[in-house]
Amino acid sequence: MKKLTILFSTLALIISSCSNPVSKNQNIENKTVVIGYENDNTSKYNIVNGDINSVEIVKAYFDAYNNRDLQSVYELEHEDVLLYAPNGMIIESSKQHLEGGEKFLAANQFAKWEIIWSISTHVNFENKPTENWVTSGILVSSGKDEASKTSVSRVVDLMIKDGNIKKGYIHQRQLSENE
C-alpha cells in the first residue's frame, strides 16, 4: 500500500511539474491594452486590442477567394459593403463586388491571396459605437498561369460588424525583385 501511495504521489508530482504555466503575456487577450490611436482632426480615440474571432472571419474571406468560392465571399460581406481599392475604384455593394470578382478570376486563372499577418483592433469612439477592424498584410499573386504571375503586397483594413465585412481599405505596393 505504501508503494502505491509513493507511486501515485510521484506520478502526480511529475504530471504537475510538466504542465505549462500561463505567463503574463499569454493572458493578455483578456485585458484591454491601448496600442495606438485614431485622429479625426478634432479628437483622438484609443485603439485597443480587438476581437480575435474577427481574424478568423478575414481568414475565411481570403480562403474563399483562394477556393474561387465567390458565393462565400459574398455571404461574408454586408449587402451595402463599401470597399476602397488601391486603384481608386470604390465598390459599393456585395453584388458589385461579386460581379467584379467573377471578372477578375476569369481573367486570372492563377490567383492566390496569402495572409502574412493579421491583427484585430477596436477603435473606441466617444460619440458612436466602437468599431472592430482587422488589418492584414497579404501577398497577392495573379496571372493567367504560373509563368505570367505577378505579385503585390497589400495591407487590407477591414471593418467587421455583426460577423461580416462592412467596409475596407486596400493599400498596395509593388514588390521589389529581392522580395
N, C-alpha and C. Protein backbone atom coordinates (compact mmCIF):
# COMPACT_ATOMS: atom_id res chain seq x y z
N MET A 1 0.82 -1.19 0.00
CA MET A 1 0.00 0.00 0.00
C MET A 1 0.87 1.25 0.00
N LYS A 2 1.94 1.19 0.80
CA LYS A 2 2.85 2.32 0.90
C LYS A 2 3.51 2.59 -0.46
N LYS A 3 3.85 1.50 -1.19
CA LYS A 3 4.48 1.65 -2.51
C LYS A 3 3.50 2.29 -3.50
N LEU A 4 2.22 1.93 -3.43
CA LEU A 4 1.22 2.54 -4.31
C LEU A 4 1.06 4.02 -4.01
N THR A 5 1.07 4.39 -2.74
CA THR A 5 0.95 5.78 -2.37
C THR A 5 2.14 6.57 -2.90
N ILE A 6 3.33 6.02 -2.76
CA ILE A 6 4.54 6.69 -3.26
C ILE A 6 4.49 6.78 -4.79
N LEU A 7 4.05 5.71 -5.45
CA LEU A 7 3.94 5.70 -6.91
C LEU A 7 2.97 6.78 -7.40
N PHE A 8 1.77 6.84 -6.80
CA PHE A 8 0.79 7.84 -7.22
C PHE A 8 1.25 9.27 -6.89
N SER A 9 1.91 9.43 -5.76
CA SER A 9 2.43 10.75 -5.40
C SER A 9 3.50 11.19 -6.39
N THR A 10 4.37 10.25 -6.78
CA THR A 10 5.42 10.56 -7.75
C THR A 10 4.81 10.91 -9.11
N LEU A 11 3.82 10.14 -9.53
CA LEU A 11 3.14 10.42 -10.80
C LEU A 11 2.48 11.80 -10.77
N ALA A 12 1.81 12.11 -9.70
CA ALA A 12 1.15 13.41 -9.58
C ALA A 12 2.17 14.54 -9.63
N LEU A 13 3.32 14.35 -8.97
CA LEU A 13 4.37 15.35 -8.99
C LEU A 13 4.93 15.54 -10.40
N ILE A 14 5.16 14.44 -11.13
CA ILE A 14 5.69 14.52 -12.50
C ILE A 14 4.69 15.22 -13.41
N ILE A 15 3.43 14.84 -13.33
CA ILE A 15 2.41 15.43 -14.20
C ILE A 15 2.25 16.92 -13.92
N SER A 16 2.21 17.30 -12.64
CA SER A 16 2.03 18.72 -12.32
C SER A 16 3.25 19.54 -12.68
N SER A 17 4.45 18.97 -12.62
CA SER A 17 5.64 19.75 -12.95
C SER A 17 5.82 19.89 -14.45
N CYS A 18 5.14 19.07 -15.26
CA CYS A 18 5.25 19.15 -16.71
C CYS A 18 4.20 20.09 -17.31
N SER A 19 3.29 20.55 -16.52
CA SER A 19 2.27 21.44 -17.07
C SER A 19 2.90 22.77 -17.44
N ASN A 20 2.30 23.44 -18.40
CA ASN A 20 2.83 24.71 -18.90
C ASN A 20 2.08 25.85 -18.20
N PRO A 21 2.74 26.54 -17.28
CA PRO A 21 2.04 27.62 -16.57
C PRO A 21 1.74 28.77 -17.51
N VAL A 22 0.65 29.47 -17.23
CA VAL A 22 0.26 30.62 -18.04
C VAL A 22 1.13 31.80 -17.64
N SER A 23 1.81 32.38 -18.62
CA SER A 23 2.62 33.55 -18.33
C SER A 23 1.75 34.80 -18.40
N LYS A 24 2.30 35.90 -17.96
CA LYS A 24 1.57 37.17 -18.01
C LYS A 24 1.21 37.52 -19.44
N ASN A 25 2.09 37.24 -20.40
CA ASN A 25 1.84 37.58 -21.81
C ASN A 25 0.73 36.73 -22.42
N GLN A 26 0.60 35.48 -22.02
CA GLN A 26 -0.42 34.61 -22.58
C GLN A 26 -1.82 35.03 -22.15
N ASN A 27 -1.94 35.71 -21.04
CA ASN A 27 -3.24 36.08 -20.51
C ASN A 27 -3.67 37.47 -20.99
N ILE A 28 -2.89 38.11 -21.82
CA ILE A 28 -3.15 39.50 -22.20
C ILE A 28 -4.41 39.67 -23.03
N GLU A 29 -4.84 38.63 -23.77
CA GLU A 29 -6.00 38.80 -24.64
C GLU A 29 -7.28 39.04 -23.85
N ASN A 30 -7.27 38.79 -22.57
CA ASN A 30 -8.44 39.07 -21.74
C ASN A 30 -8.43 40.50 -21.19
N LYS A 31 -7.37 41.24 -21.46
CA LYS A 31 -7.25 42.60 -20.95
C LYS A 31 -7.27 43.57 -22.12
N THR A 32 -7.84 44.74 -21.90
CA THR A 32 -7.82 45.79 -22.90
C THR A 32 -6.49 46.53 -22.81
N VAL A 33 -5.80 46.59 -23.94
CA VAL A 33 -4.50 47.24 -24.00
C VAL A 33 -4.54 48.31 -25.09
N VAL A 34 -4.21 49.54 -24.74
CA VAL A 34 -4.14 50.61 -25.74
C VAL A 34 -2.90 50.37 -26.59
N ILE A 35 -3.11 50.27 -27.92
CA ILE A 35 -1.98 50.00 -28.81
C ILE A 35 -1.78 51.11 -29.85
N GLY A 36 -2.61 52.13 -29.80
CA GLY A 36 -2.46 53.23 -30.75
C GLY A 36 -3.61 54.20 -30.63
N TYR A 37 -3.80 55.01 -31.68
CA TYR A 37 -4.89 55.98 -31.66
C TYR A 37 -5.34 56.29 -33.07
N GLU A 38 -6.54 56.85 -33.17
CA GLU A 38 -7.07 57.39 -34.42
C GLU A 38 -7.40 58.85 -34.16
N ASN A 39 -7.12 59.67 -35.14
CA ASN A 39 -7.31 61.11 -35.00
C ASN A 39 -8.25 61.57 -36.11
N ASP A 40 -9.30 62.31 -35.75
CA ASP A 40 -10.21 62.84 -36.77
C ASP A 40 -10.10 64.37 -36.88
N ASN A 41 -8.97 64.91 -36.52
CA ASN A 41 -8.66 66.34 -36.55
C ASN A 41 -9.29 67.14 -35.43
N THR A 42 -10.24 66.58 -34.70
CA THR A 42 -10.80 67.28 -33.55
C THR A 42 -10.59 66.49 -32.26
N SER A 43 -10.53 65.17 -32.39
CA SER A 43 -10.38 64.31 -31.21
C SER A 43 -9.43 63.16 -31.53
N LYS A 44 -8.91 62.61 -30.48
CA LYS A 44 -8.02 61.46 -30.57
C LYS A 44 -8.69 60.30 -29.83
N TYR A 45 -8.82 59.15 -30.49
CA TYR A 45 -9.52 58.00 -29.91
C TYR A 45 -8.55 56.83 -29.76
N ASN A 46 -8.68 56.14 -28.65
CA ASN A 46 -7.80 55.00 -28.40
C ASN A 46 -8.14 53.83 -29.32
N ILE A 47 -7.10 53.19 -29.80
CA ILE A 47 -7.22 51.90 -30.49
C ILE A 47 -6.69 50.87 -29.52
N VAL A 48 -7.50 49.83 -29.29
CA VAL A 48 -7.14 48.78 -28.34
C VAL A 48 -7.20 47.43 -29.05
N ASN A 49 -6.64 46.41 -28.38
CA ASN A 49 -6.71 45.07 -28.94
C ASN A 49 -8.17 44.69 -29.18
N GLY A 50 -8.42 43.98 -30.28
CA GLY A 50 -9.79 43.67 -30.69
C GLY A 50 -10.18 42.22 -30.50
N ASP A 51 -11.25 41.84 -31.16
CA ASP A 51 -11.83 40.51 -31.08
C ASP A 51 -11.06 39.55 -31.97
N ILE A 52 -10.39 38.57 -31.40
CA ILE A 52 -9.57 37.63 -32.17
C ILE A 52 -10.42 36.81 -33.14
N ASN A 53 -11.70 36.63 -32.84
CA ASN A 53 -12.58 35.89 -33.75
C ASN A 53 -12.74 36.60 -35.09
N SER A 54 -12.57 37.91 -35.11
CA SER A 54 -12.67 38.67 -36.36
C SER A 54 -11.54 38.31 -37.32
N VAL A 55 -10.39 37.94 -36.79
CA VAL A 55 -9.27 37.50 -37.63
C VAL A 55 -9.68 36.24 -38.40
N GLU A 56 -10.46 35.38 -37.76
CA GLU A 56 -10.92 34.15 -38.42
C GLU A 56 -11.91 34.46 -39.54
N ILE A 57 -12.70 35.51 -39.38
CA ILE A 57 -13.63 35.93 -40.44
C ILE A 57 -12.83 36.36 -41.66
N VAL A 58 -11.79 37.15 -41.44
CA VAL A 58 -10.95 37.60 -42.55
C VAL A 58 -10.22 36.42 -43.19
N LYS A 59 -9.77 35.48 -42.39
CA LYS A 59 -9.12 34.28 -42.94
C LYS A 59 -10.10 33.51 -43.82
N ALA A 60 -11.32 33.33 -43.35
CA ALA A 60 -12.34 32.62 -44.14
C ALA A 60 -12.63 33.36 -45.44
N TYR A 61 -12.61 34.67 -45.41
CA TYR A 61 -12.85 35.52 -46.58
C TYR A 61 -11.80 35.25 -47.66
N PHE A 62 -10.52 35.28 -47.28
CA PHE A 62 -9.47 35.06 -48.27
C PHE A 62 -9.32 33.59 -48.63
N ASP A 63 -9.66 32.68 -47.72
CA ASP A 63 -9.71 31.26 -48.08
C ASP A 63 -10.77 31.04 -49.17
N ALA A 64 -11.90 31.72 -49.05
CA ALA A 64 -12.96 31.59 -50.06
C ALA A 64 -12.46 32.09 -51.42
N TYR A 65 -11.74 33.20 -51.43
CA TYR A 65 -11.13 33.66 -52.68
C TYR A 65 -10.21 32.59 -53.26
N ASN A 66 -9.33 32.04 -52.42
CA ASN A 66 -8.38 31.03 -52.88
C ASN A 66 -9.08 29.78 -53.42
N ASN A 67 -10.26 29.49 -52.89
CA ASN A 67 -11.05 28.35 -53.36
C ASN A 67 -11.97 28.73 -54.52
N ARG A 68 -11.87 29.99 -54.95
CA ARG A 68 -12.70 30.52 -56.04
C ARG A 68 -14.19 30.40 -55.71
N ASP A 69 -14.49 30.53 -54.43
CA ASP A 69 -15.85 30.41 -53.92
C ASP A 69 -16.40 31.81 -53.65
N LEU A 70 -16.79 32.49 -54.72
CA LEU A 70 -17.25 33.87 -54.59
C LEU A 70 -18.58 33.98 -53.85
N GLN A 71 -19.35 32.92 -53.83
CA GLN A 71 -20.61 32.94 -53.07
C GLN A 71 -20.31 33.10 -51.58
N SER A 72 -19.27 32.41 -51.10
CA SER A 72 -18.88 32.56 -49.69
C SER A 72 -18.33 33.95 -49.41
N VAL A 73 -17.56 34.51 -50.36
CA VAL A 73 -17.07 35.88 -50.22
C VAL A 73 -18.27 36.81 -50.08
N TYR A 74 -19.24 36.65 -50.96
CA TYR A 74 -20.47 37.45 -50.98
C TYR A 74 -21.20 37.35 -49.63
N GLU A 75 -21.29 36.15 -49.09
CA GLU A 75 -22.02 35.93 -47.83
C GLU A 75 -21.28 36.48 -46.61
N LEU A 76 -19.97 36.70 -46.74
CA LEU A 76 -19.20 37.26 -45.63
C LEU A 76 -19.20 38.79 -45.62
N GLU A 77 -19.89 39.39 -46.59
CA GLU A 77 -19.97 40.85 -46.67
C GLU A 77 -21.39 41.32 -46.36
N HIS A 78 -21.50 42.52 -45.80
CA HIS A 78 -22.80 43.17 -45.70
C HIS A 78 -23.25 43.53 -47.11
N GLU A 79 -24.54 43.55 -47.33
CA GLU A 79 -25.08 43.88 -48.66
C GLU A 79 -24.59 45.25 -49.13
N ASP A 80 -24.45 46.19 -48.19
CA ASP A 80 -24.01 47.54 -48.54
C ASP A 80 -22.52 47.76 -48.23
N VAL A 81 -21.71 46.70 -48.38
CA VAL A 81 -20.28 46.79 -48.12
C VAL A 81 -19.68 47.93 -48.94
N LEU A 82 -18.69 48.60 -48.38
CA LEU A 82 -18.01 49.70 -49.05
C LEU A 82 -16.52 49.38 -49.03
N LEU A 83 -15.94 49.18 -50.23
CA LEU A 83 -14.54 48.82 -50.35
C LEU A 83 -13.81 49.84 -51.21
N TYR A 84 -12.67 50.32 -50.73
CA TYR A 84 -11.84 51.28 -51.45
C TYR A 84 -10.62 50.54 -51.98
N ALA A 85 -10.56 50.35 -53.30
CA ALA A 85 -9.48 49.61 -53.94
C ALA A 85 -8.25 50.50 -54.14
N PRO A 86 -7.07 49.90 -54.29
CA PRO A 86 -5.85 50.70 -54.43
C PRO A 86 -5.78 51.50 -55.74
N ASN A 87 -6.59 51.15 -56.72
CA ASN A 87 -6.59 51.88 -58.00
C ASN A 87 -7.60 53.03 -58.01
N GLY A 88 -8.23 53.31 -56.88
CA GLY A 88 -9.20 54.40 -56.79
C GLY A 88 -10.64 53.96 -56.98
N MET A 89 -10.86 52.72 -57.39
CA MET A 89 -12.21 52.21 -57.56
C MET A 89 -12.89 52.08 -56.20
N ILE A 90 -14.18 52.38 -56.16
CA ILE A 90 -14.98 52.20 -54.95
C ILE A 90 -16.05 51.17 -55.25
N ILE A 91 -16.09 50.13 -54.43
CA ILE A 91 -17.11 49.09 -54.56
C ILE A 91 -18.16 49.38 -53.50
N GLU A 92 -19.43 49.49 -53.94
CA GLU A 92 -20.47 49.97 -53.03
C GLU A 92 -21.53 48.94 -52.69
N SER A 93 -21.31 47.67 -53.02
CA SER A 93 -22.26 46.64 -52.62
C SER A 93 -21.61 45.27 -52.78
N SER A 94 -22.13 44.29 -52.07
CA SER A 94 -21.62 42.93 -52.20
C SER A 94 -21.90 42.39 -53.61
N LYS A 95 -23.01 42.80 -54.21
CA LYS A 95 -23.33 42.36 -55.57
C LYS A 95 -22.30 42.89 -56.56
N GLN A 96 -21.95 44.17 -56.45
CA GLN A 96 -20.94 44.76 -57.34
C GLN A 96 -19.60 44.04 -57.14
N HIS A 97 -19.26 43.71 -55.90
CA HIS A 97 -18.01 43.01 -55.62
C HIS A 97 -18.02 41.60 -56.22
N LEU A 98 -19.15 40.92 -56.11
CA LEU A 98 -19.30 39.57 -56.68
C LEU A 98 -19.07 39.61 -58.20
N GLU A 99 -19.69 40.57 -58.87
CA GLU A 99 -19.54 40.69 -60.33
C GLU A 99 -18.10 41.01 -60.72
N GLY A 100 -17.46 41.91 -59.98
CA GLY A 100 -16.06 42.23 -60.25
C GLY A 100 -15.14 41.06 -59.97
N GLY A 101 -15.43 40.32 -58.90
CA GLY A 101 -14.64 39.14 -58.57
C GLY A 101 -14.73 38.07 -59.65
N GLU A 102 -15.92 37.89 -60.21
CA GLU A 102 -16.08 36.91 -61.30
C GLU A 102 -15.22 37.30 -62.50
N LYS A 103 -15.20 38.58 -62.86
CA LYS A 103 -14.38 39.05 -63.98
C LYS A 103 -12.90 38.87 -63.68
N PHE A 104 -12.49 39.22 -62.46
CA PHE A 104 -11.08 39.09 -62.08
C PHE A 104 -10.62 37.64 -62.17
N LEU A 105 -11.40 36.72 -61.59
CA LEU A 105 -11.00 35.32 -61.59
C LEU A 105 -11.03 34.71 -63.00
N ALA A 106 -11.94 35.19 -63.85
CA ALA A 106 -11.98 34.69 -65.24
C ALA A 106 -10.72 35.12 -65.98
N ALA A 107 -10.21 36.32 -65.70
CA ALA A 107 -9.02 36.83 -66.38
C ALA A 107 -7.72 36.33 -65.75
N ASN A 108 -7.80 35.85 -64.51
CA ASN A 108 -6.61 35.41 -63.77
C ASN A 108 -6.81 33.99 -63.27
N GLN A 109 -6.46 33.04 -64.12
CA GLN A 109 -6.60 31.63 -63.74
C GLN A 109 -5.74 31.31 -62.52
N PHE A 110 -4.61 31.99 -62.42
CA PHE A 110 -3.73 31.82 -61.28
C PHE A 110 -3.93 33.03 -60.37
N ALA A 111 -4.62 32.85 -59.28
CA ALA A 111 -4.84 33.93 -58.31
C ALA A 111 -4.74 33.34 -56.91
N LYS A 112 -3.98 34.02 -56.06
CA LYS A 112 -3.79 33.50 -54.71
C LYS A 112 -3.62 34.67 -53.74
N TRP A 113 -4.28 34.56 -52.59
CA TRP A 113 -4.18 35.53 -51.51
C TRP A 113 -3.56 34.82 -50.31
N GLU A 114 -2.39 35.25 -49.89
CA GLU A 114 -1.70 34.62 -48.76
C GLU A 114 -1.57 35.63 -47.62
N ILE A 115 -2.25 35.36 -46.52
CA ILE A 115 -2.17 36.24 -45.35
C ILE A 115 -0.83 36.01 -44.67
N ILE A 116 -0.05 37.07 -44.56
CA ILE A 116 1.25 37.01 -43.91
C ILE A 116 1.11 37.32 -42.42
N TRP A 117 0.26 38.28 -42.09
CA TRP A 117 -0.01 38.64 -40.70
C TRP A 117 -1.40 39.27 -40.62
N SER A 118 -1.98 39.24 -39.45
CA SER A 118 -3.33 39.79 -39.26
C SER A 118 -3.51 40.18 -37.80
N ILE A 119 -4.16 41.32 -37.57
CA ILE A 119 -4.38 41.80 -36.20
C ILE A 119 -5.76 42.44 -36.10
N SER A 120 -6.44 42.19 -34.99
CA SER A 120 -7.76 42.76 -34.76
C SER A 120 -7.67 43.87 -33.71
N THR A 121 -8.34 44.98 -34.01
CA THR A 121 -8.34 46.12 -33.08
C THR A 121 -9.75 46.68 -32.94
N HIS A 122 -9.96 47.41 -31.88
CA HIS A 122 -11.19 48.17 -31.67
C HIS A 122 -10.82 49.65 -31.59
N VAL A 123 -11.60 50.49 -32.25
CA VAL A 123 -11.46 51.94 -32.13
C VAL A 123 -12.59 52.40 -31.21
N ASN A 124 -12.21 52.96 -30.07
CA ASN A 124 -13.19 53.38 -29.07
C ASN A 124 -13.54 54.86 -29.26
N PHE A 125 -14.62 55.10 -30.00
CA PHE A 125 -15.08 56.47 -30.23
C PHE A 125 -15.90 56.94 -29.03
N GLU A 126 -15.99 58.25 -28.88
CA GLU A 126 -16.77 58.80 -27.77
C GLU A 126 -18.25 58.89 -28.11
N ASN A 127 -18.60 59.29 -29.34
CA ASN A 127 -19.99 59.59 -29.67
C ASN A 127 -20.60 58.64 -30.69
N LYS A 128 -19.97 57.51 -30.94
CA LYS A 128 -20.54 56.49 -31.82
C LYS A 128 -20.01 55.13 -31.37
N PRO A 129 -20.63 54.06 -31.84
CA PRO A 129 -20.22 52.73 -31.38
C PRO A 129 -18.76 52.40 -31.70
N THR A 130 -18.16 51.58 -30.87
CA THR A 130 -16.81 51.07 -31.11
C THR A 130 -16.80 50.30 -32.42
N GLU A 131 -15.72 50.47 -33.19
CA GLU A 131 -15.57 49.75 -34.46
C GLU A 131 -14.48 48.70 -34.32
N ASN A 132 -14.72 47.52 -34.89
CA ASN A 132 -13.75 46.43 -34.91
C ASN A 132 -13.12 46.39 -36.31
N TRP A 133 -11.79 46.52 -36.37
CA TRP A 133 -11.05 46.48 -37.63
C TRP A 133 -10.02 45.37 -37.59
N VAL A 134 -9.90 44.66 -38.70
CA VAL A 134 -8.84 43.67 -38.85
C VAL A 134 -7.92 44.16 -39.95
N THR A 135 -6.67 44.35 -39.61
CA THR A 135 -5.66 44.80 -40.56
C THR A 135 -4.75 43.62 -40.86
N SER A 136 -4.56 43.33 -42.15
CA SER A 136 -3.78 42.16 -42.57
C SER A 136 -2.79 42.53 -43.66
N GLY A 137 -1.62 41.92 -43.57
CA GLY A 137 -0.63 42.00 -44.64
C GLY A 137 -0.84 40.79 -45.53
N ILE A 138 -1.04 41.03 -46.83
CA ILE A 138 -1.40 39.94 -47.74
C ILE A 138 -0.51 39.99 -48.98
N LEU A 139 0.00 38.85 -49.37
CA LEU A 139 0.73 38.70 -50.62
C LEU A 139 -0.29 38.21 -51.65
N VAL A 140 -0.51 39.02 -52.69
CA VAL A 140 -1.49 38.70 -53.72
C VAL A 140 -0.75 38.39 -55.02
N SER A 141 -0.99 37.20 -55.54
CA SER A 141 -0.40 36.79 -56.82
C SER A 141 -1.52 36.58 -57.81
N SER A 142 -1.28 36.99 -59.07
CA SER A 142 -2.30 36.79 -60.09
C SER A 142 -1.63 36.69 -61.46
N GLY A 143 -2.37 36.11 -62.38
CA GLY A 143 -1.90 35.95 -63.75
C GLY A 143 -2.65 34.83 -64.44
N LYS A 144 -2.39 34.65 -65.73
CA LYS A 144 -3.07 33.59 -66.48
C LYS A 144 -2.52 32.22 -66.14
N ASP A 145 -1.24 32.17 -65.74
CA ASP A 145 -0.60 30.91 -65.35
C ASP A 145 0.60 31.24 -64.47
N GLU A 146 1.28 30.20 -64.01
CA GLU A 146 2.42 30.38 -63.11
C GLU A 146 3.50 31.25 -63.76
N ALA A 147 3.73 31.08 -65.06
CA ALA A 147 4.80 31.82 -65.77
C ALA A 147 4.49 33.31 -65.88
N SER A 148 3.23 33.68 -65.95
CA SER A 148 2.87 35.09 -66.13
C SER A 148 2.44 35.77 -64.84
N LYS A 149 2.58 35.09 -63.72
CA LYS A 149 2.09 35.66 -62.47
C LYS A 149 2.91 36.87 -62.03
N THR A 150 2.22 37.79 -61.40
CA THR A 150 2.85 38.92 -60.73
C THR A 150 2.34 38.94 -59.30
N SER A 151 3.13 39.52 -58.42
CA SER A 151 2.73 39.57 -57.02
C SER A 151 2.86 40.99 -56.49
N VAL A 152 1.95 41.34 -55.61
CA VAL A 152 1.97 42.63 -54.93
C VAL A 152 1.75 42.40 -53.44
N SER A 153 2.18 43.37 -52.68
CA SER A 153 1.97 43.34 -51.23
C SER A 153 0.82 44.28 -50.92
N ARG A 154 -0.14 43.79 -50.16
CA ARG A 154 -1.28 44.62 -49.77
C ARG A 154 -1.42 44.66 -48.26
N VAL A 155 -1.85 45.82 -47.80
CA VAL A 155 -2.33 45.95 -46.42
C VAL A 155 -3.82 46.19 -46.57
N VAL A 156 -4.59 45.26 -46.02
CA VAL A 156 -6.05 45.29 -46.15
C VAL A 156 -6.62 45.56 -44.76
N ASP A 157 -7.41 46.62 -44.66
CA ASP A 157 -8.00 47.04 -43.40
C ASP A 157 -9.52 46.87 -43.54
N LEU A 158 -10.09 45.88 -42.84
CA LEU A 158 -11.50 45.54 -42.97
C LEU A 158 -12.24 45.78 -41.66
N MET A 159 -13.35 46.50 -41.73
CA MET A 159 -14.21 46.69 -40.57
C MET A 159 -15.17 45.51 -40.49
N ILE A 160 -15.20 44.86 -39.34
CA ILE A 160 -16.09 43.73 -39.10
C ILE A 160 -17.24 44.22 -38.23
N LYS A 161 -18.45 43.99 -38.70
CA LYS A 161 -19.64 44.38 -37.94
C LYS A 161 -20.62 43.22 -37.99
N ASP A 162 -21.06 42.76 -36.83
CA ASP A 162 -22.02 41.65 -36.73
C ASP A 162 -21.54 40.42 -37.50
N GLY A 163 -20.23 40.16 -37.47
CA GLY A 163 -19.68 38.95 -38.07
C GLY A 163 -19.46 39.00 -39.57
N ASN A 164 -19.68 40.18 -40.18
CA ASN A 164 -19.47 40.32 -41.62
C ASN A 164 -18.65 41.58 -41.92
N ILE A 165 -18.13 41.63 -43.13
CA ILE A 165 -17.31 42.76 -43.55
C ILE A 165 -18.21 43.91 -43.98
N LYS A 166 -18.00 45.06 -43.37
CA LYS A 166 -18.83 46.25 -43.62
C LYS A 166 -18.11 47.27 -44.50
N LYS A 167 -16.80 47.42 -44.28
CA LYS A 167 -16.04 48.44 -45.01
C LYS A 167 -14.60 47.98 -45.11
N GLY A 168 -13.90 48.45 -46.15
CA GLY A 168 -12.50 48.07 -46.27
C GLY A 168 -11.68 49.06 -47.07
N TYR A 169 -10.43 49.17 -46.68
CA TYR A 169 -9.44 49.98 -47.39
C TYR A 169 -8.31 49.05 -47.80
N ILE A 170 -7.93 49.09 -49.07
CA ILE A 170 -6.88 48.22 -49.58
C ILE A 170 -5.74 49.10 -50.08
N HIS A 171 -4.57 48.94 -49.48
CA HIS A 171 -3.37 49.68 -49.87
C HIS A 171 -2.42 48.68 -50.51
N GLN A 172 -1.69 49.11 -51.55
CA GLN A 172 -0.89 48.16 -52.32
C GLN A 172 0.43 48.78 -52.71
N ARG A 173 1.46 47.93 -52.78
CA ARG A 173 2.74 48.34 -53.34
C ARG A 173 3.33 47.19 -54.14
N GLN A 174 4.06 47.54 -55.16
CA GLN A 174 4.73 46.56 -55.99
C GLN A 174 5.91 45.98 -55.23
N LEU A 175 6.13 44.69 -55.34
CA LEU A 175 7.27 44.06 -54.68
C LEU A 175 8.56 44.32 -55.46
N SER A 176 9.65 44.45 -54.76
CA SER A 176 10.94 44.59 -55.43
C SER A 176 11.43 43.21 -55.87
N GLU A 177 12.46 43.16 -56.68
CA GLU A 177 12.99 41.87 -57.15
C GLU A 177 13.54 41.03 -56.02
N ASN A 178 13.93 41.65 -54.91
CA ASN A 178 14.52 40.93 -53.78
C ASN A 178 13.48 40.28 -52.88
N GLU A 179 12.23 40.61 -53.07
CA GLU A 179 11.20 40.08 -52.16
C GLU A 179 10.55 38.84 -52.71
